[in-house]
Amino acid sequence: MLRLKTGLRVIACIAVSVTFCGCLVNTGPSKPPPVRIGFIAYEPGELYGPELFIKQAAQLAVEKVNESGGLQISGQKTKVVLVTETIKSRPEAAVAAVRRLINQERVVAIVGPHVSRDAIPAGAVAEESKIPMISTGSTNPQTTAGRQFVFVVSFTDDLQGRTMARFARRSLGLSEAARSLISLMNTARGWPVSSEPGLRKRVVR
């Protein structure tokens, strides 16, 4: 189920990017060139499993668009090209990948990076270049804070924290359990710790 949801998020991101690009690109009466969309994939093992089907979902989304004739631009159909950068999950690698996609590959939008630690610094580059970037899995509010060209599709950590604390306290009457969640979130591998402030606010109320 987790793989399905992640894959659907990636497909949705590609679909939104394609639609957005169709609004941006206007070549007049001449045949439009292929629309180049950047995609940041991960090396095997970097995300503990989902990196493979994230890439497969992106490829599937582009295939579906192209099978239907491509993207409609100025009344004409044009193909979508997925330009992939494969990285290790490191902030500096994500930043370098975004710069290559923008400056060398000349993409008009970027899907990824998937995780917050990569999406936050990568988003700064996309924002500066005014290239739309959609993260498929980032939940940290800093990813989009103060940015007009950076987006996420997942619920942010603060919203998740408030929701979990509200459920534990109101539905289960377990304020102590909610406090335990804070400790768990601080120690669990890969858990978005930035949700703790939202969770703590709900626990003390």
N, C-alpha and C. Protein backbone atom coordinates (compact mmCIF):
# COMPACT_ATOMS: atom_id res chain seq x y z
N MET A 1 0.83 -1.21 0.00
CA MET A 1 0.00 0.00 0.00
C MET A 1 0.87 1.26 0.00
N LEU A 2 1.96 1.25 0.81
CA LEU A 2 2.85 2.40 0.83
C LEU A 2 3.47 2.63 -0.54
N ARG A 3 3.86 1.55 -1.21
CA ARG A 3 4.46 1.68 -2.54
C ARG A 3 3.45 2.25 -3.52
N LEU A 4 2.20 1.78 -3.44
CA LEU A 4 1.16 2.28 -4.33
C LEU A 4 0.94 3.77 -4.12
N LYS A 5 0.85 4.19 -2.86
CA LYS A 5 0.61 5.61 -2.57
C LYS A 5 1.77 6.47 -3.05
N THR A 6 3.00 5.99 -2.83
CA THR A 6 4.16 6.75 -3.27
C THR A 6 4.20 6.85 -4.78
N GLY A 7 3.92 5.74 -5.45
CA GLY A 7 3.89 5.75 -6.90
C GLY A 7 2.83 6.69 -7.46
N LEU A 8 1.67 6.70 -6.83
CA LEU A 8 0.60 7.59 -7.27
C LEU A 8 0.98 9.05 -7.08
N ARG A 9 1.70 9.35 -5.98
CA ARG A 9 2.15 10.72 -5.76
C ARG A 9 3.11 11.16 -6.86
N VAL A 10 4.01 10.26 -7.25
CA VAL A 10 4.96 10.59 -8.30
C VAL A 10 4.24 10.85 -9.62
N ILE A 11 3.29 9.97 -9.95
CA ILE A 11 2.52 10.15 -11.18
C ILE A 11 1.77 11.47 -11.14
N ALA A 12 1.19 11.80 -9.99
CA ALA A 12 0.47 13.07 -9.87
C ALA A 12 1.40 14.25 -10.07
N CYS A 13 2.61 14.15 -9.52
CA CYS A 13 3.58 15.24 -9.68
C CYS A 13 3.94 15.43 -11.14
N ILE A 14 4.18 14.33 -11.85
CA ILE A 14 4.52 14.43 -13.26
C ILE A 14 3.36 15.03 -14.03
N ALA A 15 2.13 14.60 -13.71
CA ALA A 15 0.96 15.12 -14.40
C ALA A 15 0.80 16.62 -14.20
N VAL A 16 1.01 17.07 -12.95
CA VAL A 16 0.92 18.50 -12.67
C VAL A 16 2.01 19.27 -13.40
N SER A 17 3.21 18.71 -13.41
CA SER A 17 4.32 19.37 -14.10
C SER A 17 4.04 19.50 -15.59
N VAL A 18 3.53 18.44 -16.17
CA VAL A 18 3.21 18.47 -17.60
C VAL A 18 2.16 19.51 -17.90
N THR A 19 1.12 19.55 -17.07
CA THR A 19 0.05 20.53 -17.26
C THR A 19 0.58 21.95 -17.11
N PHE A 20 1.41 22.15 -16.08
CA PHE A 20 1.98 23.47 -15.83
C PHE A 20 2.87 23.90 -16.99
N CYS A 21 3.64 22.96 -17.51
CA CYS A 21 4.52 23.29 -18.64
C CYS A 21 3.73 23.67 -19.87
N GLY A 22 2.58 23.04 -20.05
CA GLY A 22 1.75 23.39 -21.19
C GLY A 22 1.26 24.82 -21.12
N CYS A 23 1.11 25.32 -19.91
CA CYS A 23 0.69 26.71 -19.73
C CYS A 23 1.85 27.67 -19.95
N LEU A 24 3.07 27.22 -19.65
CA LEU A 24 4.24 28.10 -19.73
C LEU A 24 4.77 28.22 -21.15
N VAL A 25 4.80 27.10 -21.88
CA VAL A 25 5.44 27.08 -23.18
C VAL A 25 4.51 27.60 -24.25
N ASN A 26 4.97 28.57 -25.00
CA ASN A 26 4.17 29.12 -26.09
C ASN A 26 5.12 29.46 -27.24
N THR A 27 5.08 28.65 -28.27
CA THR A 27 6.02 28.83 -29.37
C THR A 27 5.38 29.43 -30.61
N GLY A 28 4.11 29.83 -30.49
CA GLY A 28 3.45 30.43 -31.65
C GLY A 28 3.04 29.37 -32.65
N PRO A 29 2.99 29.73 -33.94
CA PRO A 29 2.50 28.80 -34.95
C PRO A 29 3.45 27.66 -35.27
N SER A 30 4.73 27.77 -34.96
CA SER A 30 5.69 26.72 -35.28
C SER A 30 5.48 25.51 -34.38
N LYS A 31 5.96 24.36 -34.85
CA LYS A 31 5.80 23.13 -34.06
C LYS A 31 6.61 23.24 -32.78
N PRO A 32 6.00 23.04 -31.63
CA PRO A 32 6.73 23.18 -30.36
C PRO A 32 7.74 22.06 -30.18
N PRO A 33 8.88 22.35 -29.58
CA PRO A 33 9.88 21.31 -29.31
C PRO A 33 9.41 20.43 -28.16
N PRO A 34 10.04 19.28 -27.95
CA PRO A 34 9.68 18.42 -26.81
C PRO A 34 9.82 19.18 -25.49
N VAL A 35 8.93 18.90 -24.56
CA VAL A 35 8.97 19.51 -23.24
C VAL A 35 9.87 18.66 -22.34
N ARG A 36 10.89 19.27 -21.80
CA ARG A 36 11.87 18.55 -20.99
C ARG A 36 11.56 18.77 -19.50
N ILE A 37 11.26 17.68 -18.81
CA ILE A 37 10.96 17.73 -17.38
C ILE A 37 12.05 16.98 -16.63
N GLY A 38 12.64 17.63 -15.66
CA GLY A 38 13.68 16.99 -14.86
C GLY A 38 13.09 16.09 -13.79
N PHE A 39 13.78 15.01 -13.52
CA PHE A 39 13.34 14.09 -12.47
C PHE A 39 14.56 13.63 -11.68
N ILE A 40 14.49 13.75 -10.36
CA ILE A 40 15.59 13.34 -9.49
C ILE A 40 15.28 11.98 -8.90
N ALA A 41 16.02 10.98 -9.33
CA ALA A 41 15.88 9.61 -8.84
C ALA A 41 16.99 9.32 -7.83
N TYR A 42 16.88 8.17 -7.18
CA TYR A 42 17.86 7.79 -6.16
C TYR A 42 18.51 6.46 -6.49
N GLU A 43 19.76 6.34 -6.09
CA GLU A 43 20.47 5.09 -6.26
C GLU A 43 19.83 4.00 -5.41
N PRO A 44 19.95 2.73 -5.82
CA PRO A 44 19.36 1.63 -5.04
C PRO A 44 19.83 1.63 -3.59
N GLY A 45 18.88 1.48 -2.69
CA GLY A 45 19.18 1.41 -1.27
C GLY A 45 19.20 2.74 -0.55
N GLU A 46 19.13 3.84 -1.27
CA GLU A 46 19.22 5.15 -0.64
C GLU A 46 17.97 5.51 0.17
N LEU A 47 16.82 5.00 -0.26
CA LEU A 47 15.56 5.32 0.43
C LEU A 47 14.95 4.10 1.09
N TYR A 48 15.75 3.06 1.29
CA TYR A 48 15.29 1.84 1.96
C TYR A 48 14.14 1.17 1.20
N GLY A 49 14.15 1.25 -0.13
CA GLY A 49 13.17 0.48 -0.89
C GLY A 49 12.40 1.22 -1.97
N PRO A 50 11.83 2.39 -1.69
CA PRO A 50 10.90 2.99 -2.67
C PRO A 50 11.57 3.64 -3.88
N GLU A 51 12.92 3.74 -3.90
CA GLU A 51 13.55 4.47 -5.00
C GLU A 51 13.25 3.84 -6.36
N LEU A 52 13.09 2.52 -6.44
CA LEU A 52 12.84 1.87 -7.72
C LEU A 52 11.47 2.20 -8.27
N PHE A 53 10.43 2.04 -7.43
CA PHE A 53 9.09 2.28 -7.98
C PHE A 53 8.77 3.76 -8.12
N ILE A 54 9.53 4.64 -7.44
CA ILE A 54 9.39 6.08 -7.68
C ILE A 54 9.81 6.39 -9.12
N LYS A 55 10.94 5.82 -9.52
CA LYS A 55 11.43 6.02 -10.88
C LYS A 55 10.49 5.40 -11.90
N GLN A 56 9.99 4.20 -11.61
CA GLN A 56 9.07 3.52 -12.52
C GLN A 56 7.77 4.32 -12.68
N ALA A 57 7.30 4.91 -11.59
CA ALA A 57 6.07 5.71 -11.66
C ALA A 57 6.27 6.93 -12.55
N ALA A 58 7.43 7.57 -12.44
CA ALA A 58 7.72 8.73 -13.28
C ALA A 58 7.76 8.36 -14.75
N GLN A 59 8.42 7.25 -15.05
CA GLN A 59 8.49 6.79 -16.43
C GLN A 59 7.11 6.44 -16.97
N LEU A 60 6.28 5.81 -16.14
CA LEU A 60 4.93 5.44 -16.55
C LEU A 60 4.10 6.67 -16.87
N ALA A 61 4.21 7.70 -16.04
CA ALA A 61 3.43 8.92 -16.25
C ALA A 61 3.77 9.56 -17.59
N VAL A 62 5.06 9.64 -17.91
CA VAL A 62 5.48 10.24 -19.17
C VAL A 62 5.05 9.39 -20.35
N GLU A 63 5.16 8.07 -20.20
CA GLU A 63 4.72 7.17 -21.27
C GLU A 63 3.24 7.36 -21.59
N LYS A 64 2.43 7.50 -20.56
CA LYS A 64 0.99 7.68 -20.76
C LYS A 64 0.69 8.97 -21.51
N VAL A 65 1.40 10.03 -21.16
CA VAL A 65 1.20 11.31 -21.85
C VAL A 65 1.59 11.19 -23.31
N ASN A 66 2.72 10.58 -23.57
CA ASN A 66 3.21 10.47 -24.95
C ASN A 66 2.38 9.50 -25.78
N GLU A 67 1.83 8.46 -25.14
CA GLU A 67 0.97 7.53 -25.86
C GLU A 67 -0.30 8.21 -26.36
N SER A 68 -0.73 9.24 -25.66
CA SER A 68 -1.93 9.97 -26.07
C SER A 68 -1.62 11.05 -27.11
N GLY A 69 -0.38 11.11 -27.55
CA GLY A 69 0.00 12.09 -28.56
C GLY A 69 0.91 13.18 -28.03
N GLY A 70 1.04 13.26 -26.72
CA GLY A 70 1.90 14.27 -26.12
C GLY A 70 1.14 15.38 -25.46
N LEU A 71 1.84 16.44 -25.16
CA LEU A 71 1.29 17.58 -24.45
C LEU A 71 0.73 18.60 -25.43
N GLN A 72 -0.45 19.11 -25.14
CA GLN A 72 -1.09 20.09 -26.02
C GLN A 72 -0.52 21.49 -25.75
N ILE A 73 0.15 22.04 -26.74
CA ILE A 73 0.72 23.37 -26.63
C ILE A 73 0.35 24.18 -27.86
N SER A 74 -0.34 25.29 -27.65
CA SER A 74 -0.73 26.17 -28.76
C SER A 74 -1.45 25.40 -29.86
N GLY A 75 -2.30 24.46 -29.45
CA GLY A 75 -3.10 23.70 -30.41
C GLY A 75 -2.36 22.56 -31.07
N GLN A 76 -1.10 22.31 -30.67
CA GLN A 76 -0.32 21.24 -31.27
C GLN A 76 0.18 20.28 -30.19
N LYS A 77 0.38 19.04 -30.59
CA LYS A 77 0.87 18.02 -29.67
C LYS A 77 2.40 17.96 -29.72
N THR A 78 3.01 17.83 -28.57
CA THR A 78 4.46 17.67 -28.48
C THR A 78 4.80 16.64 -27.42
N LYS A 79 5.88 15.92 -27.63
CA LYS A 79 6.28 14.87 -26.71
C LYS A 79 6.88 15.46 -25.43
N VAL A 80 6.82 14.65 -24.38
CA VAL A 80 7.44 15.00 -23.12
C VAL A 80 8.68 14.14 -22.94
N VAL A 81 9.78 14.76 -22.58
CA VAL A 81 11.04 14.05 -22.35
C VAL A 81 11.37 14.12 -20.86
N LEU A 82 11.58 12.96 -20.26
CA LEU A 82 11.95 12.90 -18.85
C LEU A 82 13.47 12.85 -18.75
N VAL A 83 14.06 13.88 -18.16
CA VAL A 83 15.51 13.95 -17.99
C VAL A 83 15.83 13.59 -16.55
N THR A 84 16.47 12.45 -16.35
CA THR A 84 16.68 11.91 -15.01
C THR A 84 18.09 12.12 -14.49
N GLU A 85 18.18 12.58 -13.26
CA GLU A 85 19.44 12.66 -12.53
C GLU A 85 19.33 11.69 -11.35
N THR A 86 20.25 10.74 -11.28
CA THR A 86 20.23 9.75 -10.20
C THR A 86 21.30 10.11 -9.16
N ILE A 87 20.87 10.22 -7.91
CA ILE A 87 21.77 10.71 -6.87
C ILE A 87 21.75 9.82 -5.63
N LYS A 88 22.74 10.03 -4.78
CA LYS A 88 22.68 9.54 -3.41
C LYS A 88 21.89 10.57 -2.61
N SER A 89 21.30 10.11 -1.50
CA SER A 89 20.51 11.04 -0.69
C SER A 89 21.43 11.90 0.15
N ARG A 90 21.96 12.95 -0.50
CA ARG A 90 22.84 13.90 0.14
C ARG A 90 22.43 15.30 -0.33
N PRO A 91 22.33 16.27 0.57
CA PRO A 91 21.92 17.62 0.15
C PRO A 91 22.76 18.18 -0.97
N GLU A 92 24.09 18.00 -0.89
CA GLU A 92 24.96 18.55 -1.92
C GLU A 92 24.74 17.88 -3.27
N ALA A 93 24.39 16.58 -3.25
CA ALA A 93 24.11 15.87 -4.50
C ALA A 93 22.81 16.36 -5.12
N ALA A 94 21.82 16.63 -4.27
CA ALA A 94 20.54 17.14 -4.77
C ALA A 94 20.69 18.52 -5.39
N VAL A 95 21.46 19.37 -4.73
CA VAL A 95 21.70 20.72 -5.25
C VAL A 95 22.41 20.66 -6.60
N ALA A 96 23.44 19.83 -6.69
CA ALA A 96 24.18 19.70 -7.94
C ALA A 96 23.28 19.17 -9.05
N ALA A 97 22.41 18.22 -8.72
CA ALA A 97 21.50 17.65 -9.72
C ALA A 97 20.53 18.70 -10.25
N VAL A 98 19.98 19.50 -9.35
CA VAL A 98 19.05 20.55 -9.78
C VAL A 98 19.76 21.57 -10.67
N ARG A 99 20.98 21.91 -10.31
CA ARG A 99 21.72 22.87 -11.13
C ARG A 99 22.00 22.32 -12.52
N ARG A 100 22.35 21.03 -12.60
CA ARG A 100 22.59 20.43 -13.91
C ARG A 100 21.31 20.41 -14.76
N LEU A 101 20.21 20.06 -14.12
CA LEU A 101 18.94 20.00 -14.85
C LEU A 101 18.55 21.37 -15.40
N ILE A 102 18.77 22.40 -14.60
CA ILE A 102 18.38 23.74 -15.01
C ILE A 102 19.37 24.35 -16.00
N ASN A 103 20.64 24.29 -15.68
CA ASN A 103 21.65 25.01 -16.47
C ASN A 103 22.15 24.25 -17.69
N GLN A 104 22.20 22.92 -17.60
CA GLN A 104 22.72 22.14 -18.71
C GLN A 104 21.62 21.46 -19.52
N GLU A 105 20.66 20.87 -18.83
CA GLU A 105 19.59 20.15 -19.53
C GLU A 105 18.43 21.04 -19.95
N ARG A 106 18.37 22.23 -19.39
CA ARG A 106 17.35 23.21 -19.76
C ARG A 106 15.93 22.69 -19.58
N VAL A 107 15.68 22.07 -18.44
CA VAL A 107 14.33 21.60 -18.16
C VAL A 107 13.44 22.77 -17.76
N VAL A 108 12.13 22.59 -17.91
CA VAL A 108 11.20 23.66 -17.57
C VAL A 108 10.50 23.42 -16.24
N ALA A 109 10.70 22.23 -15.66
CA ALA A 109 10.15 21.90 -14.35
C ALA A 109 10.90 20.70 -13.81
N ILE A 110 10.86 20.52 -12.50
CA ILE A 110 11.58 19.42 -11.86
C ILE A 110 10.65 18.69 -10.89
N VAL A 111 10.69 17.36 -10.94
CA VAL A 111 9.97 16.53 -9.98
C VAL A 111 11.01 15.88 -9.07
N GLY A 112 10.85 16.09 -7.75
CA GLY A 112 11.83 15.63 -6.79
C GLY A 112 12.60 16.82 -6.23
N PRO A 113 13.53 16.55 -5.30
CA PRO A 113 13.87 15.29 -4.66
C PRO A 113 12.73 14.77 -3.77
N HIS A 114 12.86 13.51 -3.36
CA HIS A 114 11.78 12.87 -2.64
C HIS A 114 11.77 13.20 -1.15
N VAL A 115 12.94 13.34 -0.54
CA VAL A 115 13.00 13.52 0.91
C VAL A 115 13.36 14.96 1.28
N SER A 116 12.96 15.36 2.45
CA SER A 116 13.10 16.76 2.88
C SER A 116 14.54 17.21 2.96
N ARG A 117 15.42 16.37 3.46
CA ARG A 117 16.81 16.79 3.62
C ARG A 117 17.45 17.16 2.29
N ASP A 118 16.92 16.61 1.20
CA ASP A 118 17.41 16.95 -0.13
C ASP A 118 16.56 18.05 -0.78
N ALA A 119 15.27 18.02 -0.51
CA ALA A 119 14.36 18.96 -1.17
C ALA A 119 14.53 20.39 -0.68
N ILE A 120 14.88 20.56 0.59
CA ILE A 120 15.02 21.93 1.13
C ILE A 120 16.14 22.69 0.43
N PRO A 121 17.37 22.18 0.38
CA PRO A 121 18.42 22.92 -0.33
C PRO A 121 18.22 22.95 -1.84
N ALA A 122 17.70 21.87 -2.40
CA ALA A 122 17.46 21.84 -3.84
C ALA A 122 16.40 22.87 -4.23
N GLY A 123 15.41 23.04 -3.36
CA GLY A 123 14.36 24.01 -3.62
C GLY A 123 14.87 25.43 -3.68
N ALA A 124 15.92 25.71 -2.92
CA ALA A 124 16.50 27.05 -2.95
C ALA A 124 17.05 27.37 -4.33
N VAL A 125 17.67 26.38 -4.98
CA VAL A 125 18.21 26.57 -6.32
C VAL A 125 17.08 26.75 -7.34
N ALA A 126 16.05 25.93 -7.23
CA ALA A 126 14.92 26.04 -8.14
C ALA A 126 14.21 27.38 -7.98
N GLU A 127 14.06 27.82 -6.74
CA GLU A 127 13.40 29.09 -6.48
C GLU A 127 14.20 30.25 -7.07
N GLU A 128 15.49 30.22 -6.89
CA GLU A 128 16.34 31.29 -7.43
C GLU A 128 16.27 31.35 -8.95
N SER A 129 16.15 30.17 -9.57
CA SER A 129 16.09 30.10 -11.03
C SER A 129 14.67 30.24 -11.58
N LYS A 130 13.69 30.29 -10.68
CA LYS A 130 12.28 30.41 -11.06
C LYS A 130 11.83 29.24 -11.92
N ILE A 131 12.30 28.05 -11.55
CA ILE A 131 11.89 26.81 -12.20
C ILE A 131 11.00 26.04 -11.23
N PRO A 132 9.77 25.70 -11.60
CA PRO A 132 8.88 24.96 -10.69
C PRO A 132 9.49 23.62 -10.29
N MET A 133 9.43 23.32 -8.99
CA MET A 133 9.92 22.07 -8.45
C MET A 133 8.86 21.48 -7.53
N ILE A 134 8.53 20.21 -7.73
CA ILE A 134 7.53 19.54 -6.90
C ILE A 134 8.18 18.33 -6.24
N SER A 135 8.25 18.34 -4.92
CA SER A 135 8.80 17.19 -4.20
C SER A 135 7.73 16.13 -4.01
N THR A 136 8.10 14.89 -4.29
CA THR A 136 7.14 13.79 -4.20
C THR A 136 6.90 13.29 -2.79
N GLY A 137 7.81 13.60 -1.86
CA GLY A 137 7.64 13.04 -0.53
C GLY A 137 8.04 13.95 0.63
N SER A 138 8.57 15.13 0.35
CA SER A 138 9.00 16.02 1.43
C SER A 138 7.82 16.45 2.28
N THR A 139 8.04 16.46 3.60
CA THR A 139 6.99 16.88 4.53
C THR A 139 7.41 18.04 5.41
N ASN A 140 8.67 18.41 5.37
CA ASN A 140 9.17 19.50 6.20
C ASN A 140 8.66 20.85 5.67
N PRO A 141 8.04 21.67 6.50
CA PRO A 141 7.50 22.96 6.04
C PRO A 141 8.56 23.88 5.43
N GLN A 142 9.82 23.68 5.80
CA GLN A 142 10.88 24.54 5.26
C GLN A 142 11.07 24.35 3.76
N THR A 143 10.59 23.25 3.23
CA THR A 143 10.75 22.99 1.79
C THR A 143 10.09 24.08 0.96
N THR A 144 8.93 24.54 1.40
CA THR A 144 8.19 25.54 0.62
C THR A 144 8.13 26.90 1.28
N ALA A 145 8.64 27.04 2.49
CA ALA A 145 8.51 28.29 3.24
C ALA A 145 9.10 29.47 2.48
N GLY A 146 8.27 30.47 2.20
CA GLY A 146 8.73 31.68 1.52
C GLY A 146 9.06 31.49 0.06
N ARG A 147 8.65 30.38 -0.53
CA ARG A 147 9.00 30.08 -1.92
C ARG A 147 7.74 30.02 -2.79
N GLN A 148 7.84 30.57 -3.98
CA GLN A 148 6.71 30.60 -4.91
C GLN A 148 6.79 29.52 -5.98
N PHE A 149 7.97 28.93 -6.17
CA PHE A 149 8.15 27.96 -7.25
C PHE A 149 8.39 26.54 -6.75
N VAL A 150 8.29 26.33 -5.43
CA VAL A 150 8.55 25.02 -4.85
C VAL A 150 7.28 24.49 -4.19
N PHE A 151 6.94 23.22 -4.47
CA PHE A 151 5.69 22.64 -3.99
C PHE A 151 5.93 21.24 -3.44
N VAL A 152 5.01 20.78 -2.60
CA VAL A 152 5.03 19.40 -2.10
C VAL A 152 3.63 18.81 -2.27
N VAL A 153 3.56 17.48 -2.27
CA VAL A 153 2.26 16.82 -2.38
C VAL A 153 1.85 16.12 -1.10
N SER A 154 2.78 15.96 -0.15
CA SER A 154 2.47 15.28 1.11
C SER A 154 2.01 16.28 2.16
N PHE A 155 1.29 15.79 3.16
CA PHE A 155 0.93 16.62 4.30
C PHE A 155 2.21 17.00 5.05
N THR A 156 2.29 18.25 5.49
CA THR A 156 3.49 18.70 6.16
C THR A 156 3.59 18.11 7.57
N ASP A 157 4.82 18.14 8.11
CA ASP A 157 5.07 17.55 9.42
C ASP A 157 4.24 18.19 10.53
N ASP A 158 4.10 19.52 10.48
CA ASP A 158 3.36 20.18 11.55
C ASP A 158 1.90 19.76 11.54
N LEU A 159 1.32 19.58 10.35
CA LEU A 159 -0.06 19.12 10.27
C LEU A 159 -0.18 17.68 10.76
N GLN A 160 0.77 16.83 10.38
CA GLN A 160 0.75 15.45 10.85
C GLN A 160 0.88 15.39 12.37
N GLY A 161 1.77 16.23 12.93
CA GLY A 161 1.95 16.24 14.37
C GLY A 161 0.69 16.65 15.11
N ARG A 162 0.04 17.71 14.62
CA ARG A 162 -1.20 18.17 15.26
C ARG A 162 -2.28 17.11 15.19
N THR A 163 -2.37 16.44 14.04
CA THR A 163 -3.41 15.43 13.85
C THR A 163 -3.19 14.23 14.76
N MET A 164 -1.94 13.77 14.86
CA MET A 164 -1.66 12.62 15.73
C MET A 164 -1.92 12.94 17.20
N ALA A 165 -1.50 14.13 17.62
CA ALA A 165 -1.70 14.50 19.02
C ALA A 165 -3.19 14.66 19.33
N ARG A 166 -3.94 15.27 18.40
CA ARG A 166 -5.37 15.45 18.61
C ARG A 166 -6.08 14.11 18.73
N PHE A 167 -5.70 13.15 17.88
CA PHE A 167 -6.32 11.83 17.93
C PHE A 167 -5.99 11.12 19.24
N ALA A 168 -4.71 11.17 19.65
CA ALA A 168 -4.30 10.49 20.88
C ALA A 168 -5.00 11.08 22.10
N ARG A 169 -5.16 12.40 22.12
CA ARG A 169 -5.71 13.05 23.30
C ARG A 169 -7.24 13.01 23.31
N ARG A 170 -7.86 13.35 22.18
CA ARG A 170 -9.32 13.47 22.16
C ARG A 170 -10.03 12.13 21.95
N SER A 171 -9.52 11.34 21.01
CA SER A 171 -10.21 10.09 20.69
C SER A 171 -9.83 8.95 21.62
N LEU A 172 -8.58 8.93 22.07
CA LEU A 172 -8.12 7.84 22.92
C LEU A 172 -7.93 8.24 24.37
N GLY A 173 -7.91 9.56 24.63
CA GLY A 173 -7.69 10.03 25.98
C GLY A 173 -6.31 9.67 26.49
N LEU A 174 -5.34 9.68 25.62
CA LEU A 174 -4.00 9.22 25.96
C LEU A 174 -2.98 10.35 25.80
N SER A 175 -2.99 11.28 26.70
CA SER A 175 -2.01 12.36 26.65
C SER A 175 -0.59 11.82 26.82
N GLU A 176 -0.44 10.82 27.69
CA GLU A 176 0.89 10.25 27.93
C GLU A 176 1.38 9.54 26.67
N ALA A 177 0.46 8.88 25.97
CA ALA A 177 0.84 8.21 24.72
C ALA A 177 1.30 9.22 23.68
N ALA A 178 0.65 10.36 23.66
CA ALA A 178 1.05 11.40 22.73
C ALA A 178 2.45 11.89 23.04
N ARG A 179 2.75 12.01 24.34
CA ARG A 179 4.11 12.42 24.72
C ARG A 179 5.13 11.36 24.31
N SER A 180 4.72 10.09 24.41
CA SER A 180 5.62 9.01 24.01
C SER A 180 5.91 9.07 22.52
N LEU A 181 4.93 9.50 21.75
CA LEU A 181 5.12 9.64 20.32
C LEU A 181 6.23 10.64 20.02
N ILE A 182 6.31 11.70 20.81
CA ILE A 182 7.36 12.69 20.60
C ILE A 182 8.72 12.04 20.74
N SER A 183 8.88 11.24 21.80
CA SER A 183 10.16 10.55 22.01
C SER A 183 10.46 9.60 20.88
N LEU A 184 9.43 8.88 20.43
CA LEU A 184 9.61 7.93 19.34
C LEU A 184 10.03 8.64 18.06
N MET A 185 9.38 9.76 17.78
CA MET A 185 9.67 10.50 16.56
C MET A 185 11.08 11.07 16.58
N ASN A 186 11.61 11.31 17.75
CA ASN A 186 12.96 11.86 17.85
C ASN A 186 14.04 10.79 17.68
N THR A 187 13.66 9.52 17.84
CA THR A 187 14.66 8.46 17.80
C THR A 187 14.50 7.53 16.62
N ALA A 188 13.30 7.46 16.04
CA ALA A 188 13.05 6.52 14.94
C ALA A 188 13.84 6.93 13.69
N ARG A 189 14.42 5.95 13.04
CA ARG A 189 15.22 6.22 11.84
C ARG A 189 14.33 6.73 10.71
N GLY A 190 14.70 7.88 10.15
CA GLY A 190 13.99 8.39 9.00
C GLY A 190 12.69 9.10 9.30
N TRP A 191 12.31 9.20 10.58
CA TRP A 191 11.03 9.85 10.89
C TRP A 191 11.20 11.37 10.81
N PRO A 192 10.19 12.06 10.25
CA PRO A 192 10.30 13.51 10.14
C PRO A 192 10.19 14.21 11.48
N VAL A 193 11.31 14.52 12.10
CA VAL A 193 11.33 15.09 13.44
C VAL A 193 10.69 16.47 13.47
N SER A 194 10.59 17.15 12.32
CA SER A 194 10.04 18.49 12.33
C SER A 194 8.56 18.51 12.70
N SER A 195 7.91 17.34 12.77
CA SER A 195 6.51 17.31 13.19
C SER A 195 6.38 17.45 14.70
N GLU A 196 7.48 17.32 15.43
CA GLU A 196 7.41 17.38 16.89
C GLU A 196 6.79 18.67 17.41
N PRO A 197 7.14 19.86 16.89
CA PRO A 197 6.53 21.08 17.44
C PRO A 197 5.01 21.07 17.36
N GLY A 198 4.47 20.63 16.22
CA GLY A 198 3.01 20.57 16.09
C GLY A 198 2.41 19.57 17.04
N LEU A 199 3.09 18.44 17.22
CA LEU A 199 2.61 17.43 18.16
C LEU A 199 2.65 17.93 19.59
N ARG A 200 3.75 18.59 19.97
CA ARG A 200 3.88 19.06 21.33
C ARG A 200 2.83 20.10 21.68
N LYS A 201 2.51 20.98 20.73
CA LYS A 201 1.49 21.99 20.98
C LYS A 201 0.15 21.37 21.33
N ARG A 202 -0.19 20.29 20.61
CA ARG A 202 -1.46 19.64 20.86
C ARG A 202 -1.48 18.87 22.19
N VAL A 203 -0.32 18.32 22.57
CA VAL A 203 -0.25 17.53 23.80
C VAL A 203 -0.49 18.42 25.02
N VAL A 204 0.09 19.62 25.02
CA VAL A 204 0.00 20.47 26.21
C VAL A 204 -1.32 21.19 26.34
N ARG A 205 -2.15 21.17 25.30
CA ARG A 205 -3.43 21.87 25.38
C ARG A 205 -4.47 21.05 26.10
